[in-house]
Protein backbone atom coordinates (compact mmCIF):
# COMPACT_ATOMS: atom_id res chain seq x y z
CA UNK A 1 76.72 88.61 148.81
CA UNK A 2 79.01 88.29 145.79
CA UNK A 3 76.99 87.31 142.76
CA UNK A 4 77.86 84.05 141.02
CA UNK A 5 75.92 82.72 137.99
CA UNK A 6 76.21 79.19 139.41
CA UNK A 7 74.01 80.25 142.32
CA UNK A 8 71.36 81.42 139.86
CA UNK A 9 71.48 78.03 138.16
CA UNK A 10 71.06 76.37 141.56
CA UNK A 11 67.91 78.41 142.21
CA UNK A 12 66.52 77.38 138.82
CA UNK A 13 67.18 73.74 139.68
CA UNK A 14 65.54 74.06 143.12
CA UNK A 15 62.31 75.57 141.84
CA UNK A 16 62.18 73.16 138.88
CA UNK A 17 61.75 70.23 141.26
CA UNK A 18 58.40 68.68 140.36
CA UNK A 19 56.62 67.12 143.36
CA UNK A 20 53.29 67.26 141.53
CA UNK A 21 54.70 65.46 138.45
CA UNK A 22 53.65 68.23 136.05
CA UNK A 23 56.67 67.86 133.73
CA UNK A 24 57.78 71.41 134.58
CA UNK A 25 61.50 70.73 134.10
CA UNK A 26 60.89 70.34 130.38
CA UNK A 27 59.38 73.84 130.24
CA UNK A 28 62.18 75.79 131.94
CA UNK A 29 63.77 78.58 129.89
CA UNK A 30 67.35 78.57 131.16
CA UNK A 31 68.51 82.03 132.16
CA UNK A 32 65.07 83.65 132.24
CA UNK A 33 65.09 83.73 136.04
CA UNK A 34 68.26 85.83 136.00
CA UNK A 35 66.94 88.07 133.24
CA UNK A 36 63.60 88.52 135.03
CA UNK A 37 65.31 89.72 138.19
CA UNK A 38 67.40 92.17 136.19
CA UNK A 39 64.27 93.57 134.58
CA UNK A 40 62.30 93.86 137.83
CA UNK A 41 65.05 96.03 139.30
CA UNK A 42 64.49 98.51 136.46
CA UNK A 43 60.80 98.92 137.30
CA UNK A 44 59.48 102.35 138.18
CA UNK A 45 56.16 100.68 139.01
CA UNK A 46 54.93 97.10 138.86
CA UNK A 47 51.64 95.25 138.56
CA UNK A 48 51.52 91.81 140.17
CA UNK A 49 48.66 89.91 138.52
CA UNK A 50 47.37 86.70 140.06
CA UNK A 51 44.28 84.66 140.84
CA UNK A 52 43.12 81.30 139.53
CA UNK A 53 39.43 80.54 140.00
CA UNK A 54 38.45 76.89 140.55
CA UNK A 55 35.10 76.63 138.71
CA UNK A 56 33.79 73.64 140.67
CA UNK A 57 34.22 75.50 143.95
CA UNK A 58 33.72 79.09 142.81
CA UNK A 59 36.73 80.19 144.83
CA UNK A 60 40.33 81.21 144.24
CA UNK A 61 43.19 78.83 144.97
CA UNK A 62 46.12 79.11 147.35
CA UNK A 63 48.77 78.96 144.63
CA UNK A 64 49.41 82.39 143.16
CA UNK A 65 48.11 84.85 145.77
CA UNK A 66 50.57 83.60 148.40
CA UNK A 67 53.40 84.13 145.95
CA UNK A 68 52.00 87.52 144.95
CA UNK A 69 52.06 88.86 148.50
CA UNK A 70 55.62 87.58 148.96
CA UNK A 71 56.62 89.44 145.79
CA UNK A 72 54.86 92.61 146.96
CA UNK A 73 56.77 92.51 150.24
CA UNK A 74 60.04 92.04 148.36
CA UNK A 75 59.34 94.92 145.97
CA UNK A 76 58.46 97.09 148.96
CA UNK A 77 61.92 96.44 150.37
CA UNK A 78 63.45 97.47 147.05
CA UNK A 79 61.39 100.66 146.97
CA UNK A 80 59.42 99.64 143.85
CA UNK A 81 55.75 100.74 143.94
CA UNK A 82 53.47 97.78 143.19
CA UNK A 83 49.81 96.79 143.02
CA UNK A 84 48.29 93.30 143.18
CA UNK A 85 45.66 93.09 140.42
CA UNK A 86 43.04 90.38 140.03
CA UNK A 87 39.39 89.56 139.35
CA UNK A 88 36.53 90.26 141.76
CA UNK A 89 36.52 86.78 143.31
CA UNK A 90 40.23 86.80 144.11
CA UNK A 91 40.33 90.45 145.14
CA UNK A 92 37.61 89.76 147.71
CA UNK A 93 39.50 86.70 148.88
CA UNK A 94 42.81 88.54 149.26
CA UNK A 95 41.04 91.46 150.92
CA UNK A 96 39.62 89.15 153.58
CA UNK A 97 43.13 87.73 154.04
CA UNK A 98 44.37 91.24 154.79
CA UNK A 99 46.51 91.79 151.70
CA UNK A 100 47.72 95.36 150.99
CA UNK A 101 48.28 96.88 147.54
CA UNK A 102 45.06 95.41 146.07
CA UNK A 103 43.82 96.96 142.84
CA UNK A 104 40.90 96.19 140.51
CA UNK A 105 41.38 95.86 136.77
CA UNK A 106 39.31 99.00 136.17
CA UNK A 107 41.41 101.03 138.56
CA UNK A 108 44.64 99.73 137.03
CA UNK A 109 43.67 100.55 133.45
CA UNK A 110 42.39 104.00 134.42
CA UNK A 111 45.73 104.93 136.00
CA UNK A 112 49.26 105.23 134.62
CA UNK A 113 50.53 102.15 132.84
CA UNK A 114 53.08 100.22 134.91
CA UNK A 115 56.58 99.93 133.51
CA UNK A 116 56.71 96.24 134.46
CA UNK A 117 54.36 93.44 135.39
CA UNK A 118 54.66 90.03 137.03
CA UNK A 119 51.84 87.62 136.27
CA UNK A 120 51.78 84.61 138.59
CA UNK A 121 49.42 81.65 138.21
CA UNK A 122 46.94 83.48 136.00
CA UNK A 123 45.23 81.56 133.16
CA UNK A 124 46.03 82.46 129.58
CA UNK A 125 43.98 81.69 126.48
CA UNK A 126 44.48 78.51 124.51
CA UNK A 127 44.60 78.43 120.71
CA UNK A 128 40.79 78.42 120.54
CA UNK A 129 40.59 81.63 122.60
CA UNK A 130 39.15 79.81 125.63
CA UNK A 131 40.73 79.45 129.09
CA UNK A 132 41.17 76.02 130.68
CA UNK A 133 42.19 74.41 133.94
CA UNK A 134 44.91 71.75 133.92
CA UNK A 135 42.12 69.15 133.78
CA UNK A 136 40.74 70.75 130.63
CA UNK A 137 37.69 72.36 132.28
CA UNK A 138 36.74 75.63 130.60
CA UNK A 139 36.81 78.70 132.85
CA UNK A 140 36.70 81.54 130.33
CA UNK A 141 33.95 83.59 131.99
CA UNK A 142 35.85 83.67 135.29
CA UNK A 143 39.19 84.96 134.06
CA UNK A 144 39.03 86.67 130.67
CA UNK A 145 38.74 90.27 131.93
CA UNK A 146 42.29 90.60 133.29
CA UNK A 147 43.80 89.25 130.08
CA UNK A 148 41.67 91.27 127.66
CA UNK A 149 41.51 94.56 129.54
CA UNK A 150 44.89 94.75 131.27
CA UNK A 151 47.52 92.33 130.01
CA UNK A 152 47.08 92.76 126.25
CA UNK A 153 46.63 96.57 126.20
CA UNK A 154 49.53 97.13 128.60
CA UNK A 155 51.85 94.98 126.48
CA UNK A 156 50.95 97.15 123.51
CA UNK A 157 51.73 100.25 125.60
CA UNK A 158 55.17 98.98 126.60
CA UNK A 159 54.74 97.14 129.92
CA UNK A 160 57.38 94.41 130.17
CA UNK A 161 55.92 91.25 131.69
CA UNK A 162 57.45 88.35 133.60
CA UNK A 163 55.34 85.18 133.68
CA UNK A 164 55.35 82.62 136.50
CA UNK A 165 53.53 79.30 136.11
CA UNK A 166 53.59 75.60 136.84
CA UNK A 167 51.28 73.91 134.35
CA UNK A 168 51.33 75.27 130.82
CA UNK A 169 47.93 76.97 130.82
CA UNK A 170 49.07 80.25 132.39
CA UNK A 171 49.87 83.64 130.88
CA UNK A 172 53.52 83.46 129.87
CA UNK A 173 53.53 79.82 128.82
CA UNK A 174 53.00 80.79 125.19
CA UNK A 175 56.78 81.22 125.15
CA UNK A 176 57.13 77.41 125.44
CA UNK A 177 53.81 76.36 123.91
CA UNK A 178 55.38 73.66 121.72
CA UNK A 179 56.95 72.09 124.81
CA UNK A 180 53.64 72.23 126.70
CA UNK A 181 51.93 70.40 123.84
CA UNK A 182 54.69 67.78 123.81
CA UNK A 183 55.10 67.14 127.53
CA UNK A 184 51.95 68.19 129.45
CA UNK A 185 48.79 66.03 129.55
CA UNK A 186 46.07 67.65 127.38
CA UNK A 187 48.70 70.15 126.28
CA UNK A 188 47.19 70.59 122.83
CA UNK A 189 43.94 71.73 124.42
CA UNK A 190 45.08 73.76 127.43
CA UNK A 191 48.41 75.27 126.30
CA UNK A 192 48.39 79.05 126.65
CA UNK A 193 49.30 81.13 123.61
CA UNK A 194 50.06 84.21 125.75
CA UNK A 195 53.79 84.94 126.02
CA UNK A 196 55.80 87.15 128.36
CA UNK A 197 59.29 88.56 127.88
CA UNK A 198 60.65 86.29 130.62
CA UNK A 199 59.14 83.06 131.92
CA UNK A 200 59.76 81.38 135.28
CA UNK A 201 58.56 77.78 135.51
CA UNK A 202 58.38 76.01 138.87
CA UNK A 203 56.86 73.07 140.73
CA UNK A 204 54.31 75.50 142.20
CA UNK A 205 53.83 79.07 141.10
CA UNK A 206 54.43 80.21 144.68
CA UNK A 207 57.87 78.58 144.61
CA UNK A 208 58.49 80.39 141.31
CA UNK A 209 57.83 83.67 143.14
CA UNK A 210 60.28 82.62 145.85
CA UNK A 211 62.81 81.81 143.13
CA UNK A 212 62.50 85.31 141.70
CA UNK A 213 62.95 86.77 145.17
CA UNK A 214 65.98 84.57 145.81
CA UNK A 215 67.53 85.71 142.53
CA UNK A 216 66.78 89.34 143.41
CA UNK A 217 68.39 88.71 146.78
CA UNK A 218 71.58 87.53 145.08
CA UNK A 219 71.65 90.44 142.67
CA UNK A 220 70.94 93.11 145.30
CA UNK A 221 72.72 91.55 148.30
CA UNK A 222 69.48 91.71 150.33
CA UNK A 223 67.42 88.97 151.92
CA UNK A 224 64.05 89.35 150.22
CA UNK A 225 62.75 85.83 150.86
CA UNK A 226 59.94 85.16 153.34
CA UNK A 227 60.65 82.84 156.21
CA UNK A 228 59.02 79.40 155.99
CA UNK A 229 56.77 80.39 158.91
CA UNK A 230 55.58 83.51 157.07
CA UNK A 231 55.06 81.61 153.81
CA UNK A 232 52.94 79.00 155.56
CA UNK A 233 50.97 81.64 157.45
CA UNK A 234 50.09 83.22 154.09
CA UNK A 235 48.50 79.93 153.04
CA UNK A 236 46.62 79.62 156.34
CA UNK A 237 45.31 83.19 156.01
CA UNK A 238 44.10 82.53 152.46
CA UNK A 239 42.24 79.39 153.45
CA UNK A 240 40.65 81.18 156.41
CA UNK A 241 39.48 83.80 153.90
CA UNK A 242 37.88 81.13 151.69
CA UNK A 243 40.61 79.91 149.33
CA UNK A 244 40.90 76.29 148.28
CA UNK A 245 43.66 73.92 147.22
CA UNK A 246 43.82 74.11 143.43
CA UNK A 247 44.34 70.39 142.96
CA UNK A 248 41.98 68.93 145.57
CA UNK A 249 39.35 71.69 145.51
CA UNK A 250 39.19 71.51 149.30
CA UNK A 251 39.37 74.46 151.66
CA UNK A 252 42.42 73.19 153.45
CA UNK A 253 45.85 74.59 154.28
CA UNK A 254 47.75 73.12 151.35
CA UNK A 255 48.98 74.08 147.89
CA UNK A 256 48.40 71.81 144.87
CA UNK A 257 47.83 68.84 147.16
CA UNK A 258 51.33 69.02 148.64
CA UNK A 259 52.13 68.46 152.28
CA UNK A 260 53.45 71.29 154.40
CA UNK A 261 56.99 69.89 154.27
CA UNK A 262 57.07 69.26 150.52
CA UNK A 263 55.54 72.64 149.71
CA UNK A 264 58.08 74.59 151.79
CA UNK A 265 61.12 72.50 150.79
CA UNK A 266 62.21 74.78 147.89
CA UNK A 267 61.99 77.85 150.12
CA UNK A 268 64.10 76.21 152.82
CA UNK A 269 66.67 75.14 150.22
CA UNK A 270 66.91 78.65 148.80
CA UNK A 271 67.30 80.19 152.24
CA UNK A 272 70.15 77.77 152.88
CA UNK A 273 71.70 78.80 149.60
CA UNK A 274 71.58 82.48 150.56
CA UNK A 275 73.26 81.68 153.88
CA UNK A 276 75.95 79.69 152.08
CA UNK A 277 76.57 82.51 149.61
CA UNK A 278 76.68 85.10 152.39
CA UNK A 279 79.27 83.01 154.20
CA UNK A 280 81.23 82.51 150.96
CA UNK A 281 80.73 78.77 151.24
CA UNK A 282 80.07 76.52 148.30
CA UNK A 283 76.51 75.16 148.62
CA UNK A 284 76.48 71.38 148.60
CA UNK A 285 73.78 68.76 148.44
CA UNK A 286 71.01 71.36 148.33
CA UNK A 287 69.01 69.18 145.99
CA UNK A 288 69.79 65.85 147.62
CA UNK A 289 69.18 66.49 151.29
CA UNK A 290 65.82 66.82 153.00
CA UNK A 291 65.56 70.60 153.51
CA UNK A 292 63.31 70.29 156.58
């Protein structure tokens, strides 16, 4: 595939679609998707950090881990060693779902520091030092360890981080904190102060992971995206292992309350884009047509 910056802009537009009405388009940092993919290709090793605990259920959600495993598969194809790092609740969940590359925080910090990191759908601290859900529910005790013991020390030791989020309360969103306060409900309370070098904002964090993989596909001329069937199976496997929908709190095969078709629509659109680029055709109506 011959790289064209317009295709990168199309991917940004696809993943910035906002079916959950979270005002994500106002948080997009134009060009960071392209820059993130360039950085990931330079990685000699990579941590993929994920896992959002829903306090009312005491379980991890489907958004984040499904994107993390897709990223791990993509990095495998590029020959980049990676580990998926999370808290005990989410590690147990992903272990039951059969995920490879799992790594505890203790094991990660005891080993060599990774050159790069991708943090997807992982809460970051607000200005008061506490961690909040989108609804403003405090969850500090569930999630602080990864931030304090891995993210902050590794940044100081030179790890370059890419953030992926969809709400404003995740690690990475400190880069656009003023916009979160302005556009996101309860933004003043929940806005994360933790920044990353590059930030990818999407309608769901999983679709942000797909966007990074689509951009990597363009830059490397390889198809690194999961198929829609594989992406949906990842959600089914997580729910069977005990995960819940982050918006509804129910143990059901869904992500942020979205239907199967709406959730997968960005992935289908990006796969169509890759086909169009491979065939040297100009992609048309990718954002207007129903991708399924």
